[in-house]
Amino acid sequence: AHPLDEPSHALAVLRGLPDPVVLVDPEGCILDATPAIQGLLGWLPDTLRGRAVGDLLANAEPARVAAWLARRVDDDDGLVLAVGRRMMARRQGGRDLPVAVSLSLIRVRGATHLVAVLRDDRAAEALEASYDRLIEQASRDALTGVWNRRAILRRLQAEVARARRQGEVVSVAMLDLDAFKAVNDTHGHMFGDAVLCE
């Protein structure tokens, strides 16, 4: 026999995981949660038992969860349904926290239950926001904030392709500032920069 075949060993492993594990019954109510739920969301496991799953996970309405589980009655025990699905979890006190949720099915006394493993997703969300900011900065002129040449060409290619698909025409306007070098030479580059920003 394997050590994890012993229920007390398997339960000890679950309770020792750093990420919270939540067991949801066929009616969409929380049966149990591991102690890690308190560290992530501030809930004591005892206070979650019997509550609707929607009290913990935003947009997880119990009726929808129950109907969804009912359709999965013939699925395999242990079937993994989702890994790292982004959701918002409610902290005790009402504030939401981005989490990555992994979902699987388990049979308990012949009924299909949902097992949800929650992981704090704030770091991934912050990384994506940083990436988006970098993309935006790489697409803009640092002085004026207007699109740079690369961004303009990329947008122009997309618009030409869209216009071809839809049988439309694309127009392009171009501005050229004649003799701007004279402004910089006469008044200095700081003044020239200010004029460009206007």
C-alpha atoms as a PDB file:
ATOM      1  CA  ALA A   1       0.000   0.000   0.000  1.00  0.00           C
ATOM      2  CA  HIS A   2       1.136   3.532  -0.755  1.00  0.00           C
ATOM      3  CA  PRO A   3       1.312   6.078   2.094  1.00  0.00           C
ATOM      4  CA  LEU A   4      -1.213   8.372   0.362  1.00  0.00           C
ATOM      5  CA  ASP A   5      -3.732   5.504   0.149  1.00  0.00           C
ATOM      6  CA  GLU A   6      -4.174   5.978   3.894  1.00  0.00           C
ATOM      7  CA  PRO A   7      -6.829   8.722   4.337  1.00  0.00           C
ATOM      8  CA  SER A   8      -5.072  10.277   7.333  1.00  0.00           C
ATOM      9  CA  HIS A   9      -1.827  10.636   5.332  1.00  0.00           C
ATOM     10  CA  ALA A  10      -3.596  12.159   2.343  1.00  0.00           C
ATOM     11  CA  LEU A  11      -5.411  14.596   4.649  1.00  0.00           C
ATOM     12  CA  ALA A  12      -2.114  15.572   6.297  1.00  0.00           C
ATOM     13  CA  VAL A  13      -0.600  16.296   2.873  1.00  0.00           C
ATOM     14  CA  LEU A  14      -3.607  18.434   1.873  1.00  0.00           C
ATOM     15  CA  ARG A  15      -3.532  20.395   5.117  1.00  0.00           C
ATOM     16  CA  GLY A  16       0.188  21.067   4.650  1.00  0.00           C
ATOM     17  CA  LEU A  17      -0.097  22.546   1.154  1.00  0.00           C
ATOM     18  CA  PRO A  18       0.759  26.259   0.912  1.00  0.00           C
ATOM     19  CA  ASP A  19      -2.159  26.879  -1.479  1.00  0.00           C
ATOM     20  CA  PRO A  20      -5.717  26.588  -0.156  1.00  0.00           C
ATOM     21  CA  VAL A  21      -7.837  23.628  -1.260  1.00  0.00           C
ATOM     22  CA  VAL A  22     -11.628  24.051  -1.195  1.00  0.00           C
ATOM     23  CA  LEU A  23     -14.151  21.205  -1.504  1.00  0.00           C
ATOM     24  CA  VAL A  24     -17.535  22.169  -2.989  1.00  0.00           C
ATOM     25  CA  ASP A  25     -20.572  19.891  -2.721  1.00  0.00           C
ATOM     26  CA  PRO A  26     -23.045  19.087  -5.540  1.00  0.00           C
ATOM     27  CA  GLU A  27     -25.306  21.982  -4.463  1.00  0.00           C
ATOM     28  CA  GLY A  28     -22.538  24.563  -4.829  1.00  0.00           C
ATOM     29  CA  CYS A  29     -21.834  24.924  -1.111  1.00  0.00           C
ATOM     30  CA  ILE A  30     -18.424  24.778   0.540  1.00  0.00           C
ATOM     31  CA  LEU A  31     -17.915  21.542   2.475  1.00  0.00           C
ATOM     32  CA  ASP A  32     -14.401  22.252   3.695  1.00  0.00           C
ATOM     33  CA  ALA A  33     -11.237  24.258   3.116  1.00  0.00           C
ATOM     34  CA  THR A  34      -7.655  23.708   4.176  1.00  0.00           C
ATOM     35  CA  PRO A  35      -6.016  26.022   6.753  1.00  0.00           C
ATOM     36  CA  ALA A  36      -4.067  27.877   4.016  1.00  0.00           C
ATOM     37  CA  ILE A  37      -7.317  29.686   3.155  1.00  0.00           C
ATOM     38  CA  GLN A  38      -6.794  31.887   6.201  1.00  0.00           C
ATOM     39  CA  GLY A  39      -3.356  33.028   5.044  1.00  0.00           C
ATOM     40  CA  LEU A  40      -4.581  33.887   1.540  1.00  0.00           C
ATOM     41  CA  LEU A  41      -8.046  35.305   2.167  1.00  0.00           C
ATOM     42  CA  GLY A  42      -8.419  35.691   5.926  1.00  0.00           C
ATOM     43  CA  TRP A  43     -11.219  33.111   6.270  1.00  0.00           C
ATOM     44  CA  LEU A  44     -11.115  30.420   8.940  1.00  0.00           C
ATOM     45  CA  PRO A  45     -12.143  27.083   7.385  1.00  0.00           C
ATOM     46  CA  ASP A  46     -14.946  26.719   9.956  1.00  0.00           C
ATOM     47  CA  THR A  47     -16.510  30.019   8.864  1.00  0.00           C
ATOM     48  CA  LEU A  48     -16.660  28.872   5.215  1.00  0.00           C
ATOM     49  CA  ARG A  49     -18.317  25.496   5.760  1.00  0.00           C
ATOM     50  CA  GLY A  50     -21.888  25.562   4.485  1.00  0.00           C
ATOM     51  CA  ARG A  51     -21.505  28.910   2.719  1.00  0.00           C
ATOM     52  CA  ALA A  52     -22.262  29.315  -0.969  1.00  0.00           C
ATOM     53  CA  VAL A  53     -19.187  29.073  -3.178  1.00  0.00           C
ATOM     54  CA  GLY A  54     -20.097  32.525  -4.533  1.00  0.00           C
ATOM     55  CA  ASP A  55     -19.252  33.949  -1.097  1.00  0.00           C
ATOM     56  CA  LEU A  56     -15.656  32.924  -1.793  1.00  0.00           C
ATOM     57  CA  LEU A  57     -15.274  33.080  -5.586  1.00  0.00           C
ATOM     58  CA  ALA A  58     -16.841  35.943  -7.509  1.00  0.00           C
ATOM     59  CA  ASN A  59     -19.218  34.864 -10.303  1.00  0.00           C
ATOM     60  CA  ALA A  60     -19.444  31.320  -8.886  1.00  0.00           C
ATOM     61  CA  GLU A  61     -23.190  31.248  -8.276  1.00  0.00           C
ATOM     62  CA  PRO A  62     -24.217  28.087  -6.388  1.00  0.00           C
ATOM     63  CA  ALA A  63     -27.103  27.258  -8.763  1.00  0.00           C
ATOM     64  CA  ARG A  64     -24.802  27.461 -11.794  1.00  0.00           C
ATOM     65  CA  VAL A  65     -22.113  25.393 -10.038  1.00  0.00           C
ATOM     66  CA  ALA A  66     -24.710  22.775  -9.029  1.00  0.00           C
ATOM     67  CA  ALA A  67     -26.112  22.566 -12.575  1.00  0.00           C
ATOM     68  CA  TRP A  68     -22.620  22.320 -13.987  1.00  0.00           C
ATOM     69  CA  LEU A  69     -21.672  19.535 -11.533  1.00  0.00           C
ATOM     70  CA  ALA A  70     -24.897  17.671 -12.371  1.00  0.00           C
ATOM     71  CA  ARG A  71     -23.851  17.587 -16.039  1.00  0.00           C
ATOM     72  CA  ARG A  72     -20.497  16.134 -15.014  1.00  0.00           C
ATOM     73  CA  VAL A  73     -21.896  13.150 -13.094  1.00  0.00           C
ATOM     74  CA  ASP A  74     -20.436  10.643 -15.569  1.00  0.00           C
ATOM     75  CA  ASP A  75     -16.969  12.240 -15.782  1.00  0.00           C
ATOM     76  CA  ASP A  76     -13.949  10.444 -14.371  1.00  0.00           C
ATOM     77  CA  ASP A  77     -13.006  10.831 -10.731  1.00  0.00           C
ATOM     78  CA  GLY A  78      -9.947  13.086 -10.522  1.00  0.00           C
ATOM     79  CA  LEU A  79     -10.638  14.707 -13.900  1.00  0.00           C
ATOM     80  CA  VAL A  80      -8.788  18.032 -14.128  1.00  0.00           C
ATOM     81  CA  LEU A  81     -11.113  20.671 -15.557  1.00  0.00           C
ATOM     82  CA  ALA A  82      -9.004  23.805 -15.408  1.00  0.00           C
ATOM     83  CA  VAL A  83      -5.498  24.829 -14.425  1.00  0.00           C
ATOM     84  CA  GLY A  84      -4.716  28.404 -13.452  1.00  0.00           C
ATOM     85  CA  ARG A  85      -8.084  29.873 -14.428  1.00  0.00           C
ATOM     86  CA  ARG A  86      -8.173  33.514 -13.424  1.00  0.00           C
ATOM     87  CA  MET A  87     -10.881  34.502 -10.990  1.00  0.00           C
ATOM     88  CA  MET A  88     -11.475  36.969  -8.204  1.00  0.00           C
ATOM     89  CA  ALA A  89     -11.648  35.577  -4.670  1.00  0.00           C
ATOM     90  CA  ARG A  90     -13.344  37.457  -1.861  1.00  0.00           C
ATOM     91  CA  ARG A  91     -11.285  38.159   1.210  1.00  0.00           C
ATOM     92  CA  GLN A  92     -13.020  38.143   4.535  1.00  0.00           C
ATOM     93  CA  GLY A  93     -14.209  41.719   4.813  1.00  0.00           C
ATOM     94  CA  GLY A  94     -15.245  41.964   1.173  1.00  0.00           C
ATOM     95  CA  ARG A  95     -12.166  43.017  -0.818  1.00  0.00           C
ATOM     96  CA  ASP A  96     -11.354  40.934  -3.884  1.00  0.00           C
ATOM     97  CA  LEU A  97      -8.036  39.290  -4.671  1.00  0.00           C
ATOM     98  CA  PRO A  98      -6.957  37.901  -8.070  1.00  0.00           C
ATOM     99  CA  VAL A  99      -6.381  34.146  -7.859  1.00  0.00           C
ATOM    100  CA  ALA A 100      -5.454  31.372 -10.276  1.00  0.00           C
ATOM    101  CA  VAL A 101      -7.863  28.489  -9.696  1.00  0.00           C
ATOM    102  CA  SER A 102      -7.286  24.870 -10.651  1.00  0.00           C
ATOM    103  CA  LEU A 103     -10.435  22.716 -10.717  1.00  0.00           C
ATOM    104  CA  SER A 104     -10.921  18.973 -10.615  1.00  0.00           C
ATOM    105  CA  LEU A 105     -13.707  16.510  -9.875  1.00  0.00           C
ATOM    106  CA  ILE A 106     -13.808  14.016  -7.032  1.00  0.00           C
ATOM    107  CA  ARG A 107     -16.433  11.506  -5.983  1.00  0.00           C
ATOM    108  CA  VAL A 108     -17.500  11.616  -2.348  1.00  0.00           C
ATOM    109  CA  ARG A 109     -20.046   8.972  -1.308  1.00  0.00           C
ATOM    110  CA  GLY A 110     -21.099   8.568  -4.949  1.00  0.00           C
ATOM    111  CA  ALA A 111     -21.724  12.270  -5.589  1.00  0.00           C
ATOM    112  CA  THR A 112     -19.628  14.522  -7.821  1.00  0.00           C
ATOM    113  CA  HIS A 113     -17.824  17.265  -5.912  1.00  0.00           C
ATOM    114  CA  LEU A 114     -15.575  20.063  -7.086  1.00  0.00           C
ATOM    115  CA  VAL A 115     -12.052  20.546  -5.744  1.00  0.00           C
ATOM    116  CA  ALA A 116     -10.627  24.041  -6.187  1.00  0.00           C
ATOM    117  CA  VAL A 117      -6.999  24.909  -5.519  1.00  0.00           C
ATOM    118  CA  LEU A 118      -6.435  28.665  -5.198  1.00  0.00           C
ATOM    119  CA  ARG A 119      -3.145  30.463  -5.806  1.00  0.00           C
ATOM    120  CA  ASP A 120      -2.414  34.146  -5.254  1.00  0.00           C
ATOM    121  CA  ASP A 121      -2.226  35.680  -8.742  1.00  0.00           C
ATOM    122  CA  ARG A 122      -1.210  39.240  -7.857  1.00  0.00           C
ATOM    123  CA  ALA A 123       2.391  38.756  -9.037  1.00  0.00           C
ATOM    124  CA  ALA A 124       1.294  37.469 -12.466  1.00  0.00           C
ATOM    125  CA  GLU A 125      -1.216  40.296 -12.773  1.00  0.00           C
ATOM    126  CA  ALA A 126       1.450  42.875 -11.878  1.00  0.00           C
ATOM    127  CA  LEU A 127       3.853  41.308 -14.388  1.00  0.00           C
ATOM    128  CA  GLU A 128       1.237  41.550 -17.157  1.00  0.00           C
ATOM    129  CA  ALA A 129       0.550  45.180 -16.256  1.00  0.00           C
ATOM    130  CA  SER A 130       4.300  45.923 -16.398  1.00  0.00           C
ATOM    131  CA  TYR A 131       4.532  44.204 -19.771  1.00  0.00           C
ATOM    132  CA  ASP A 132       1.590  46.251 -21.087  1.00  0.00           C
ATOM    133  CA  ARG A 133       3.252  49.463 -19.841  1.00  0.00           C
ATOM    134  CA  LEU A 134       6.529  48.507 -21.556  1.00  0.00           C
ATOM    135  CA  ILE A 135       4.710  47.816 -24.830  1.00  0.00           C
ATOM    136  CA  GLU A 136       2.987  51.197 -24.554  1.00  0.00           C
ATOM    137  CA  GLN A 137       6.286  52.971 -23.806  1.00  0.00           C
ATOM    138  CA  ALA A 138       8.012  51.212 -26.709  1.00  0.00           C
ATOM    139  CA  SER A 139       5.228  52.410 -29.038  1.00  0.00           C
ATOM    140  CA  ARG A 140       5.343  56.102 -28.093  1.00  0.00           C
ATOM    141  CA  ASP A 141       7.761  58.958 -28.614  1.00  0.00           C
ATOM    142  CA  ALA A 142       9.186  59.824 -25.196  1.00  0.00           C
ATOM    143  CA  LEU A 143       8.922  63.577 -25.744  1.00  0.00           C
ATOM    144  CA  THR A 144       5.552  64.058 -27.424  1.00  0.00           C
ATOM    145  CA  GLY A 145       3.721  60.869 -26.487  1.00  0.00           C
ATOM    146  CA  VAL A 146       2.588  60.310 -30.077  1.00  0.00           C
ATOM    147  CA  TRP A 147       3.024  56.920 -31.724  1.00  0.00           C
ATOM    148  CA  ASN A 148       6.525  56.268 -32.981  1.00  0.00           C
ATOM    149  CA  ARG A 149       7.385  55.052 -36.479  1.00  0.00           C
ATOM    150  CA  ARG A 150       7.200  51.337 -35.572  1.00  0.00           C
ATOM    151  CA  ALA A 151       3.766  51.720 -33.950  1.00  0.00           C
ATOM    152  CA  ILE A 152       2.452  53.794 -36.854  1.00  0.00           C
ATOM    153  CA  LEU A 153       3.625  51.230 -39.418  1.00  0.00           C
ATOM    154  CA  ARG A 154       2.122  48.362 -37.386  1.00  0.00           C
ATOM    155  CA  ARG A 155      -1.211  50.193 -37.091  1.00  0.00           C
ATOM    156  CA  LEU A 156      -1.138  51.143 -40.767  1.00  0.00           C
ATOM    157  CA  GLN A 157      -0.579  47.501 -41.797  1.00  0.00           C
ATOM    158  CA  ALA A 158      -3.512  46.412 -39.634  1.00  0.00           C
ATOM    159  CA  GLU A 159      -5.776  49.128 -41.082  1.00  0.00           C
ATOM    160  CA  VAL A 160      -4.813  48.304 -44.693  1.00  0.00           C
ATOM    161  CA  ALA A 161      -5.549  44.611 -44.055  1.00  0.00           C
ATOM    162  CA  ARG A 162      -8.907  45.494 -42.439  1.00  0.00           C
ATOM    163  CA  ALA A 163      -9.812  47.815 -45.312  1.00  0.00           C
ATOM    164  CA  ARG A 164      -9.011  45.093 -47.876  1.00  0.00           C
ATOM    165  CA  ARG A 165     -11.189  42.567 -46.051  1.00  0.00           C
ATOM    166  CA  GLN A 166     -14.089  45.005 -45.844  1.00  0.00           C
ATOM    167  CA  GLY A 167     -13.624  46.576 -49.267  1.00  0.00           C
ATOM    168  CA  GLU A 168     -12.913  50.029 -47.830  1.00  0.00           C
ATOM    169  CA  VAL A 169     -10.340  52.740 -48.541  1.00  0.00           C
ATOM    170  CA  VAL A 170      -7.613  53.924 -46.153  1.00  0.00           C
ATOM    171  CA  SER A 171      -6.384  57.528 -46.060  1.00  0.00           C
ATOM    172  CA  VAL A 172      -3.105  58.678 -44.546  1.00  0.00           C
ATOM    173  CA  ALA A 173      -2.208  62.256 -43.624  1.00  0.00           C
ATOM    174  CA  MET A 174       1.384  63.343 -43.071  1.00  0.00           C
ATOM    175  CA  LEU A 175       2.723  66.500 -41.448  1.00  0.00           C
ATOM    176  CA  ASP A 176       6.156  67.986 -42.026  1.00  0.00           C
ATOM    177  CA  LEU A 177       7.528  70.910 -40.041  1.00  0.00           C
ATOM    178  CA  ASP A 178       9.624  72.976 -42.455  1.00  0.00           C
ATOM    179  CA  ALA A 179      12.734  74.689 -41.143  1.00  0.00           C
ATOM    180  CA  PHE A 180      12.292  73.394 -37.583  1.00  0.00           C
ATOM    181  CA  LYS A 181      16.069  73.110 -37.239  1.00  0.00           C
ATOM    182  CA  ALA A 182      16.167  76.914 -37.248  1.00  0.00           C
ATOM    183  CA  VAL A 183      13.945  76.983 -34.112  1.00  0.00           C
ATOM    184  CA  ASN A 184      16.389  74.688 -32.281  1.00  0.00           C
ATOM    185  CA  ASP A 185      19.426  76.639 -33.527  1.00  0.00           C
ATOM    186  CA  THR A 186      17.954  80.024 -32.598  1.00  0.00           C
ATOM    187  CA  HIS A 187      16.192  79.269 -29.287  1.00  0.00           C
ATOM    188  CA  GLY A 188      17.823  76.014 -28.117  1.00  0.00           C
ATOM    189  CA  HIS A 189      16.672  72.427 -27.985  1.00  0.00           C
ATOM    190  CA  MET A 190      14.627  72.829 -24.771  1.00  0.00           C
ATOM    191  CA  PHE A 191      12.540  75.521 -26.445  1.00  0.00           C
ATOM    192  CA  GLY A 192      12.248  73.371 -29.576  1.00  0.00           C
ATOM    193  CA  ASP A 193      11.078  70.454 -27.451  1.00  0.00           C
ATOM    194  CA  ALA A 194       8.426  72.628 -25.815  1.00  0.00           C
ATOM    195  CA  VAL A 195       7.206  73.784 -29.249  1.00  0.00           C
ATOM    196  CA  LEU A 196       6.947  70.150 -30.422  1.00  0.00           C
ATOM    197  CA  CYS A 197       4.925  69.193 -27.359  1.00  0.00           C
ATOM    198  CA  GLU A 198       2.457  72.008 -28.039  1.00  0.00           C
END
